[in-house]
Amino acid sequence: MLKPLLLLTLITLSIASTCLAQDRPASNSRKAVTLYYKAEEAAQARDFNKALAYLDEAIQRDPKYADAYLKIAHLHRAMGNKPEVFENLQKGLALKPFNAGLMNSYFDLADLYFERGDYENARKHFELFLRGKPRNGRMTDFARQQIQSADFAAEAMEKPGCFIPVR
C-alpha cells in the first residue's frame, strides 16, 4: 500500500515541477529571473519606467534572455513606442524556437514589418502566427489577407508595371 502511494506522489511532483518550469521565464541567471519578476510587479503597478529598468538590468546579466526582450516589447507597446516594440520583438523572437504561445508576438512583429514595407519578413511572421493555430477568427483572416497583400506587393516591386490612370 505504501509503494503505490509513494509512486503516485513522485509522479504528481514530477508533473507539477514540469508544469511550473514551463511557466518560468527561461534564463541561466537567477538574478536575471529575479529582476524579471520585479519588473512584472512594477508593470502591474503601472510603473513602466521602473519595470523597463529592471528588465534592462536583467538583460545585462543575461543578454540571451528572450523573455525579458519580449516583456520590454510588451511594455513599449502599452506606451505606444513602436520602434522599441519592433526592436525588442525581433531580439526576443530570434532567441526562441517556434512557440505557439507567442502567436500574438509573431502577429505584432509581422504587422510592424508590413508597415515598414518588409513584405518577406511580414509574410514569414504572419505564417508563424497561423502555424500556432489561432482561435481569433478576425486575426486569422487579417493575417491571411496580409500574406496575400505581401505577396502582391513583393511581386509589384519586383516587376513594376506601367500605370496610366483613365479619366
Foldseek 3Di string as FASTA:
>chain_A
DVVVVVVVVVVVVVVVVVVVVVPQQDDPDPQLSVLQVVLVVCVVVVNNVSSLVSLVVSCVVPVLRLVSLCVQLVSCVVVVNVVSVLVSLVSNVVSDDQDLVCLVSLQSNLVSCVVVLVLVSNLVSLVSSVVSVDPDPVSVVVSVVSNVVSVVSVVCVVPPDDDDDDD
